[in-house]
């Protein structure tokens, strides 16, 4: 247990960092974790207990994941972050500490209580500096560039006299506007495309009753999950082996996350129906003032009518009219053709690397950075 003075010189409080659990989320810890999420300086559905707990059970793939907790002098939980040891840093075979993410996690920002961001990072870095298991350096992926948590990391590392280096940056689509839905679409979608989407909606409604619904009843969760899994598995993801239903563990993860999000009041599960049959479904997570688009599935037999785009249009209208939600993160890859054509805003997501104390760890950090910079120069030369 390590006591770390706040880096804010006007504060006299201190923060305590420790490994709270390994490979699991204790039930007694969940209530505190949920309360922390409601007061986090940056909301992140993918760092909440209801999301991480089933991921540890089904997606860890043999990794040892340590849950780090930080508390203030009064014992209040001020931050939580899962860490692991990675064997590779990009293409470089070197062991190092990293925040634990997985292929279903689209944001790596730890949950940190508002106002405690610098103390959180100072505590985490000091814990790693003094822990024999923390080899190499620290790599944090999935941070919102210049968000409160990222700024605090830079401040904490500067206070400790070490660099905080952005090694990767990607911009992905986001939805954040005060415009009314139709005004927003007029501003961001070409007239020809808007006309085409109206035509597709009309053609689809000519085939039957086109309705929209959201999951509201606990008794409906199992049926909705079954429908989503079947819809996704019937498409290209099923053929490629990347649908949730392709593996028992990923199917279980999906069901557990849906139940957990519903119980936590975070779930926004939508479906577009044709004569009562789901032809498109969308899973979002609500973490006011933000929200996250997690998964979409649609009936590819009706792809000529773009049911996936039509449900996204309905989602856009709902988000822009939601008084609790200021923004939605698409969680999509950079330059995603579908969502980029509808949403006009962008969020920069970065990966940051920080050296840990000790000569061996510092040398590993410098060597990896030198290789990264050399590789970047070679790529630039090949482009020019």
Protein backbone atom coordinates (compact mmCIF):
# COMPACT_ATOMS: atom_id res chain seq x y z
CA UNK A 1 0.00 0.00 0.00
CA UNK A 2 1.57 3.27 -1.14
CA UNK A 3 0.80 6.80 -0.01
CA UNK A 4 1.34 9.40 -2.68
CA UNK A 5 1.03 13.13 -2.02
CA UNK A 6 -1.22 15.01 -4.43
CA UNK A 7 0.72 16.75 -7.20
CA UNK A 8 -1.44 19.81 -6.64
CA UNK A 9 0.65 21.84 -4.22
CA UNK A 10 -2.47 23.50 -2.79
CA UNK A 11 -3.75 20.11 -1.61
CA UNK A 12 -2.55 18.24 1.47
CA UNK A 13 -4.44 15.00 0.84
CA UNK A 14 -2.74 11.84 -0.33
CA UNK A 15 -3.79 8.89 -2.45
CA UNK A 16 -3.39 5.16 -1.90
CA UNK A 17 -2.83 2.74 -4.78
CA UNK A 18 -3.01 -1.04 -4.46
CA UNK A 19 -3.94 -4.20 -6.32
CA UNK A 20 -7.55 -4.74 -5.27
CA UNK A 21 -8.09 -8.07 -7.04
CA UNK A 22 -6.57 -10.38 -9.64
CA UNK A 23 -8.68 -11.87 -12.42
CA UNK A 24 -12.02 -11.07 -10.84
CA UNK A 25 -14.27 -8.29 -9.57
CA UNK A 26 -15.29 -8.83 -5.93
CA UNK A 27 -19.03 -8.40 -5.39
CA UNK A 28 -18.44 -6.13 -2.41
CA UNK A 29 -16.38 -3.84 -4.64
CA UNK A 30 -19.05 -3.46 -7.34
CA UNK A 31 -21.25 -1.01 -5.43
CA UNK A 32 -18.32 1.35 -4.87
CA UNK A 33 -17.27 0.96 -8.48
CA UNK A 34 -20.76 1.85 -9.72
CA UNK A 35 -20.88 4.91 -7.49
CA UNK A 36 -17.47 5.97 -8.81
CA UNK A 37 -18.72 5.66 -12.39
CA UNK A 38 -21.51 8.14 -11.67
CA UNK A 39 -18.94 10.74 -10.53
CA UNK A 40 -16.18 10.02 -13.06
CA UNK A 41 -14.56 12.98 -14.78
CA UNK A 42 -14.80 11.07 -18.06
CA UNK A 43 -17.53 8.43 -18.40
CA UNK A 44 -16.51 5.14 -19.97
CA UNK A 45 -18.95 2.25 -20.19
CA UNK A 46 -16.10 -0.14 -21.03
CA UNK A 47 -14.42 0.56 -17.68
CA UNK A 48 -17.49 -0.04 -15.52
CA UNK A 49 -17.79 -3.14 -13.34
CA UNK A 50 -20.78 -4.61 -15.20
CA UNK A 51 -18.69 -4.65 -18.41
CA UNK A 52 -15.33 -5.71 -17.00
CA UNK A 53 -16.68 -8.50 -14.78
CA UNK A 54 -18.03 -10.71 -17.63
CA UNK A 55 -15.01 -9.83 -19.78
CA UNK A 56 -12.67 -11.23 -17.13
CA UNK A 57 -14.69 -14.46 -17.05
CA UNK A 58 -14.80 -15.02 -20.81
CA UNK A 59 -12.29 -12.86 -22.71
CA UNK A 60 -9.10 -12.77 -20.64
CA UNK A 61 -7.59 -15.56 -22.79
CA UNK A 62 -5.11 -16.60 -20.13
CA UNK A 63 -3.97 -13.08 -19.29
CA UNK A 64 -3.40 -12.19 -15.65
CA UNK A 65 -5.41 -9.01 -15.05
CA UNK A 66 -4.85 -6.95 -11.93
CA UNK A 67 -7.57 -4.56 -10.80
CA UNK A 68 -5.87 -1.43 -9.46
CA UNK A 69 -7.79 0.77 -7.05
CA UNK A 70 -6.86 4.25 -5.83
CA UNK A 71 -8.34 5.81 -2.70
CA UNK A 72 -7.98 9.22 -1.12
CA UNK A 73 -7.01 9.97 2.47
CA UNK A 74 -10.60 9.45 3.62
CA UNK A 75 -10.69 5.99 2.04
CA UNK A 76 -13.04 7.03 -0.79
CA UNK A 77 -12.55 5.12 -4.03
CA UNK A 78 -11.17 7.66 -6.51
CA UNK A 79 -10.10 5.46 -9.42
CA UNK A 80 -10.11 1.95 -10.90
CA UNK A 81 -8.04 0.54 -13.75
CA UNK A 82 -7.39 -3.05 -14.88
CA UNK A 83 -3.75 -3.66 -15.78
CA UNK A 84 -1.97 -6.58 -17.39
CA UNK A 85 1.47 -7.55 -18.68
CA UNK A 86 1.66 -7.57 -22.46
CA UNK A 87 4.33 -9.63 -24.23
CA UNK A 88 4.35 -7.44 -27.33
CA UNK A 89 4.45 -3.70 -27.85
CA UNK A 90 3.10 -3.33 -31.36
CA UNK A 91 5.47 -5.49 -33.38
CA UNK A 92 8.20 -5.37 -30.74
CA UNK A 93 8.51 -8.48 -28.51
CA UNK A 94 8.95 -6.79 -25.13
CA UNK A 95 7.08 -7.29 -21.87
CA UNK A 96 5.49 -4.18 -20.42
CA UNK A 97 2.56 -3.02 -18.31
CA UNK A 98 -0.61 -2.01 -20.16
CA UNK A 99 -4.16 -1.14 -19.32
CA UNK A 100 -6.19 -4.26 -20.07
CA UNK A 101 -8.39 -4.02 -23.13
CA UNK A 102 -9.72 -6.72 -25.45
CA UNK A 103 -11.34 -7.01 -28.85
CA UNK A 104 -14.75 -6.03 -27.47
CA UNK A 105 -13.43 -3.00 -25.54
CA UNK A 106 -13.44 0.26 -27.49
CA UNK A 107 -12.23 2.75 -24.88
CA UNK A 108 -9.46 2.34 -22.33
CA UNK A 109 -9.91 5.42 -20.17
CA UNK A 110 -9.87 4.41 -16.48
CA UNK A 111 -12.69 5.61 -14.26
CA UNK A 112 -11.35 8.45 -12.13
CA UNK A 113 -13.37 10.60 -9.78
CA UNK A 114 -13.75 14.20 -10.87
CA UNK A 115 -11.04 16.35 -9.29
CA UNK A 116 -8.78 13.40 -8.36
CA UNK A 117 -7.23 12.78 -11.76
CA UNK A 118 -3.64 13.88 -11.03
CA UNK A 119 -3.54 12.14 -7.67
CA UNK A 120 -4.83 8.97 -9.34
CA UNK A 121 -2.02 8.85 -11.88
CA UNK A 122 0.64 9.78 -9.32
CA UNK A 123 -0.52 6.87 -7.15
CA UNK A 124 -0.63 4.39 -10.03
CA UNK A 125 2.82 5.35 -11.31
CA UNK A 126 4.36 5.13 -7.84
CA UNK A 127 2.76 1.72 -7.31
CA UNK A 128 4.23 0.47 -10.59
CA UNK A 129 7.62 2.02 -9.86
CA UNK A 130 7.81 0.05 -6.62
CA UNK A 131 6.31 -3.24 -7.87
CA UNK A 132 8.64 -5.99 -9.09
CA UNK A 133 5.91 -7.46 -11.33
CA UNK A 134 5.64 -4.17 -13.28
CA UNK A 135 8.30 -4.76 -15.91
CA UNK A 136 9.22 -2.50 -18.82
CA UNK A 137 7.11 0.62 -19.05
CA UNK A 138 3.45 1.64 -18.95
CA UNK A 139 1.35 1.79 -22.12
CA UNK A 140 -2.16 3.24 -21.91
CA UNK A 141 -4.38 2.82 -24.98
CA UNK A 142 -7.83 4.20 -25.68
CA UNK A 143 -7.53 7.62 -24.05
CA UNK A 144 -9.51 10.63 -25.23
CA UNK A 145 -6.89 13.07 -26.41
CA UNK A 146 -6.71 16.14 -24.14
CA UNK A 147 -9.57 14.85 -22.01
CA UNK A 148 -9.35 15.36 -18.25
CA UNK A 149 -7.74 11.96 -17.68
CA UNK A 150 -5.16 12.41 -20.45
CA UNK A 151 -4.28 15.92 -19.28
CA UNK A 152 -3.85 14.64 -15.72
CA UNK A 153 -1.52 11.87 -16.90
CA UNK A 154 0.67 14.46 -18.61
CA UNK A 155 0.65 16.63 -15.48
CA UNK A 156 1.50 13.71 -13.18
CA UNK A 157 4.38 12.50 -15.37
CA UNK A 158 5.73 16.04 -15.68
CA UNK A 159 5.66 16.33 -11.89
CA UNK A 160 7.63 13.08 -11.65
CA UNK A 161 10.10 14.32 -14.28
CA UNK A 162 9.39 11.79 -16.99
CA UNK A 163 7.86 11.94 -20.49
CA UNK A 164 4.32 11.02 -21.44
CA UNK A 165 4.55 10.20 -25.13
CA UNK A 166 1.65 9.88 -27.55
CA UNK A 167 2.62 6.96 -29.78
CA UNK A 168 -0.60 6.48 -31.74
CA UNK A 169 -3.61 8.63 -32.64
CA UNK A 170 -6.83 7.83 -34.48
CA UNK A 171 -9.95 9.89 -35.06
CA UNK A 172 -13.35 8.25 -35.07
CA UNK A 173 -16.85 9.48 -35.70
CA UNK A 174 -18.86 11.06 -32.91
CA UNK A 175 -22.26 12.69 -32.61
CA UNK A 176 -22.33 15.93 -30.63
CA UNK A 177 -24.55 18.83 -31.63
CA UNK A 178 -27.26 21.18 -30.42
CA UNK A 179 -28.98 21.02 -33.81
CA UNK A 180 -32.36 19.40 -34.26
CA UNK A 181 -32.16 16.07 -36.12
CA UNK A 182 -33.35 17.28 -39.52
CA UNK A 183 -31.12 20.35 -39.36
CA UNK A 184 -28.19 18.14 -38.42
CA UNK A 185 -28.82 15.79 -41.34
CA UNK A 186 -29.11 18.75 -43.70
CA UNK A 187 -25.77 20.06 -42.44
CA UNK A 188 -23.85 16.78 -42.61
CA UNK A 189 -25.49 14.52 -45.21
CA UNK A 190 -25.57 15.32 -48.91
CA UNK A 191 -29.04 16.09 -50.32
CA UNK A 192 -28.76 13.22 -52.79
CA UNK A 193 -27.99 10.75 -50.00
CA UNK A 194 -30.84 12.06 -47.82
CA UNK A 195 -33.23 11.61 -50.72
CA UNK A 196 -31.97 8.07 -51.32
CA UNK A 197 -32.42 7.14 -47.64
CA UNK A 198 -36.00 8.44 -47.66
CA UNK A 199 -36.65 6.37 -50.79
CA UNK A 200 -35.21 3.22 -49.19
CA UNK A 201 -37.34 3.70 -46.08
CA UNK A 202 -40.44 4.12 -48.25
CA UNK A 203 -39.65 1.01 -50.31
CA UNK A 204 -39.08 -1.02 -47.17
CA UNK A 205 -42.33 0.15 -45.60
CA UNK A 206 -44.14 -0.92 -48.77
CA UNK A 207 -43.17 -4.50 -47.89
CA UNK A 208 -44.88 -4.41 -44.49
CA UNK A 209 -45.31 -2.48 -41.25
CA UNK A 210 -42.04 -0.78 -40.35
CA UNK A 211 -41.78 -0.15 -36.58
CA UNK A 212 -39.13 0.83 -34.06
CA UNK A 213 -38.88 -0.42 -30.47
CA UNK A 214 -36.51 -0.38 -27.49
CA UNK A 215 -35.91 -2.97 -24.78
CA UNK A 216 -37.77 -1.92 -21.65
CA UNK A 217 -38.73 -5.11 -19.79
CA UNK A 218 -36.39 -7.53 -18.00
CA UNK A 219 -38.48 -10.45 -19.25
CA UNK A 220 -37.63 -9.51 -22.84
CA UNK A 221 -33.84 -9.57 -22.45
CA UNK A 222 -33.34 -13.26 -23.27
CA UNK A 223 -35.48 -13.05 -26.40
CA UNK A 224 -33.79 -9.88 -27.60
CA UNK A 225 -30.35 -11.40 -27.04
CA UNK A 226 -31.36 -14.54 -28.95
CA UNK A 227 -32.62 -12.43 -31.84
CA UNK A 228 -29.50 -10.26 -31.98
CA UNK A 229 -27.15 -13.24 -31.86
CA UNK A 230 -29.04 -15.00 -34.64
CA UNK A 231 -29.23 -11.85 -36.78
CA UNK A 232 -25.50 -11.19 -36.44
CA UNK A 233 -24.53 -14.84 -37.02
CA UNK A 234 -26.57 -14.98 -40.23
CA UNK A 235 -24.46 -12.22 -41.79
CA UNK A 236 -20.86 -11.72 -42.81
CA UNK A 237 -19.59 -11.81 -39.22
CA UNK A 238 -20.99 -15.31 -38.82
CA UNK A 239 -19.31 -16.41 -42.05
CA UNK A 240 -15.97 -14.97 -40.93
CA UNK A 241 -16.25 -16.46 -37.46
CA UNK A 242 -16.37 -13.10 -35.67
CA UNK A 243 -20.02 -13.09 -34.59
CA UNK A 244 -20.75 -13.41 -30.87
CA UNK A 245 -22.62 -16.67 -31.49
CA UNK A 246 -19.61 -18.31 -33.13
CA UNK A 247 -18.08 -19.12 -29.74
CA UNK A 248 -19.80 -20.07 -26.48
CA UNK A 249 -17.61 -17.68 -24.48
CA UNK A 250 -18.36 -14.63 -26.63
CA UNK A 251 -22.08 -15.46 -26.68
CA UNK A 252 -22.02 -15.66 -22.89
CA UNK A 253 -20.09 -12.39 -22.70
CA UNK A 254 -22.73 -10.65 -24.83
CA UNK A 255 -25.63 -11.94 -22.75
CA UNK A 256 -23.93 -11.09 -19.46
CA UNK A 257 -23.07 -7.59 -20.63
CA UNK A 258 -26.64 -6.94 -21.77
CA UNK A 259 -28.03 -8.09 -18.43
CA UNK A 260 -25.40 -6.11 -16.52
CA UNK A 261 -25.97 -2.93 -18.51
CA UNK A 262 -29.74 -3.24 -18.06
CA UNK A 263 -29.44 -3.70 -14.30
CA UNK A 264 -27.07 -0.73 -14.06
CA UNK A 265 -29.42 1.49 -16.06
CA UNK A 266 -26.88 1.80 -18.88
CA UNK A 267 -28.56 -0.16 -21.68
CA UNK A 268 -30.13 1.31 -24.81
CA UNK A 269 -31.10 -1.69 -26.96
CA UNK A 270 -32.99 -0.80 -30.15
CA UNK A 271 -34.60 -2.76 -32.95
CA UNK A 272 -36.15 -1.99 -36.31
CA UNK A 273 -38.98 -4.37 -37.18
CA UNK A 274 -40.70 -5.34 -40.40
CA UNK A 275 -44.11 -6.88 -39.65
CA UNK A 276 -42.84 -7.53 -36.12
CA UNK A 277 -39.64 -9.29 -37.22
CA UNK A 278 -36.33 -7.67 -36.29
CA UNK A 279 -34.41 -6.57 -39.38
CA UNK A 280 -31.85 -4.38 -37.58
CA UNK A 281 -30.72 -4.12 -33.94
CA UNK A 282 -28.42 -1.66 -32.20
CA UNK A 283 -26.82 -1.88 -28.75
CA UNK A 284 -25.79 1.37 -27.08
CA UNK A 285 -24.56 2.14 -23.57
CA UNK A 286 -25.71 5.28 -21.77
CA UNK A 287 -23.26 6.97 -19.40
CA UNK A 288 -24.62 10.54 -19.16
CA UNK A 289 -23.57 12.99 -20.39
CA UNK A 290 -22.12 10.60 -22.97
CA UNK A 291 -23.08 7.37 -24.70
CA UNK A 292 -21.45 4.60 -26.70
CA UNK A 293 -22.50 2.70 -29.80
CA UNK A 294 -21.44 -0.88 -29.05
CA UNK A 295 -22.84 -3.31 -31.65
CA UNK A 296 -25.13 -3.38 -34.68
CA UNK A 297 -26.65 -6.29 -36.59
CA UNK A 298 -29.03 -6.32 -39.54
CA UNK A 299 -30.74 -8.67 -41.96
CA UNK A 300 -28.37 -8.89 -44.91
CA UNK A 301 -31.12 -10.40 -47.07
CA UNK A 302 -32.60 -6.88 -47.03
CA UNK A 303 -29.29 -5.08 -47.57
CA UNK A 304 -30.65 -3.34 -50.67
CA UNK A 305 -32.83 -1.32 -48.29
CA UNK A 306 -29.94 -0.47 -45.89
CA UNK A 307 -31.76 -1.45 -42.66
CA UNK A 308 -28.56 -0.81 -40.68
CA UNK A 309 -28.41 2.78 -41.90
CA UNK A 310 -32.13 3.26 -41.23
CA UNK A 311 -31.77 2.22 -37.59
CA UNK A 312 -28.75 4.51 -37.31
CA UNK A 313 -30.90 7.39 -38.54
CA UNK A 314 -33.47 6.68 -35.85
CA UNK A 315 -30.67 6.48 -33.30
CA UNK A 316 -29.30 9.83 -34.46
CA UNK A 317 -32.70 11.45 -33.93
CA UNK A 318 -33.04 9.96 -30.45
CA UNK A 319 -29.55 11.02 -29.34
CA UNK A 320 -29.94 14.60 -30.54
CA UNK A 321 -33.27 14.90 -28.72
CA UNK A 322 -32.07 13.24 -25.50
CA UNK A 323 -31.74 15.87 -22.76
CA UNK A 324 -29.31 13.68 -20.75
CA UNK A 325 -26.91 12.92 -23.59
CA UNK A 326 -24.49 15.50 -25.01
CA UNK A 327 -22.46 13.17 -27.22
CA UNK A 328 -22.21 9.64 -28.58
CA UNK A 329 -18.99 7.85 -29.49
CA UNK A 330 -19.35 5.61 -32.54
CA UNK A 331 -16.64 3.21 -31.27
CA UNK A 332 -15.99 2.65 -34.98
CA UNK A 333 -12.69 2.32 -36.78
CA UNK A 334 -11.17 5.44 -38.24
CA UNK A 335 -12.74 6.51 -41.55
CA UNK A 336 -15.65 4.05 -41.24
CA UNK A 337 -17.60 4.74 -44.47
CA UNK A 338 -21.14 4.30 -43.11
CA UNK A 339 -21.04 6.19 -39.83
CA UNK A 340 -18.66 8.87 -41.14
CA UNK A 341 -21.24 9.71 -43.80
CA UNK A 342 -23.88 10.43 -41.12
CA UNK A 343 -21.97 11.87 -38.14
CA UNK A 344 -19.95 15.04 -38.56
CA UNK A 345 -17.92 15.19 -35.34
CA UNK A 346 -14.69 13.34 -34.52
CA UNK A 347 -12.98 12.21 -31.30
CA UNK A 348 -9.21 11.69 -31.21
CA UNK A 349 -8.25 8.51 -29.36
CA UNK A 350 -4.60 8.09 -28.37
CA UNK A 351 -2.14 5.58 -26.99
CA UNK A 352 0.38 6.94 -24.50
CA UNK A 353 3.59 5.38 -23.21
CA UNK A 354 5.31 6.32 -19.95
CA UNK A 355 8.65 5.06 -18.58
CA UNK A 356 8.80 3.55 -15.12
CA UNK A 357 11.65 4.13 -12.67
CA UNK A 358 14.80 2.03 -12.79
CA UNK A 359 17.62 1.83 -15.33
CA UNK A 360 16.51 -1.42 -16.99
CA UNK A 361 12.92 -0.26 -17.41
CA UNK A 362 14.04 3.16 -18.69
CA UNK A 363 16.34 1.55 -21.26
CA UNK A 364 13.51 -0.66 -22.51
CA UNK A 365 11.30 2.39 -22.92
CA UNK A 366 13.97 4.30 -24.84
CA UNK A 367 14.78 1.35 -27.08
CA UNK A 368 11.12 0.82 -27.98
CA UNK A 369 10.64 4.52 -28.66
CA UNK A 370 13.72 4.56 -30.91
CA UNK A 371 12.36 1.61 -32.90
CA UNK A 372 8.94 3.27 -33.15
CA UNK A 373 10.40 6.51 -34.45
CA UNK A 374 12.61 4.70 -36.96
CA UNK A 375 9.63 2.71 -38.23
CA UNK A 376 7.55 5.90 -38.53
CA UNK A 377 10.30 7.60 -40.57
CA UNK A 378 10.55 4.61 -42.90
CA UNK A 379 6.79 4.63 -43.48
CA UNK A 380 6.90 8.35 -44.22
CA UNK A 381 9.75 7.87 -46.71
CA UNK A 382 7.82 5.14 -48.49
CA UNK A 383 4.76 7.42 -48.81
CA UNK A 384 6.77 10.35 -50.21
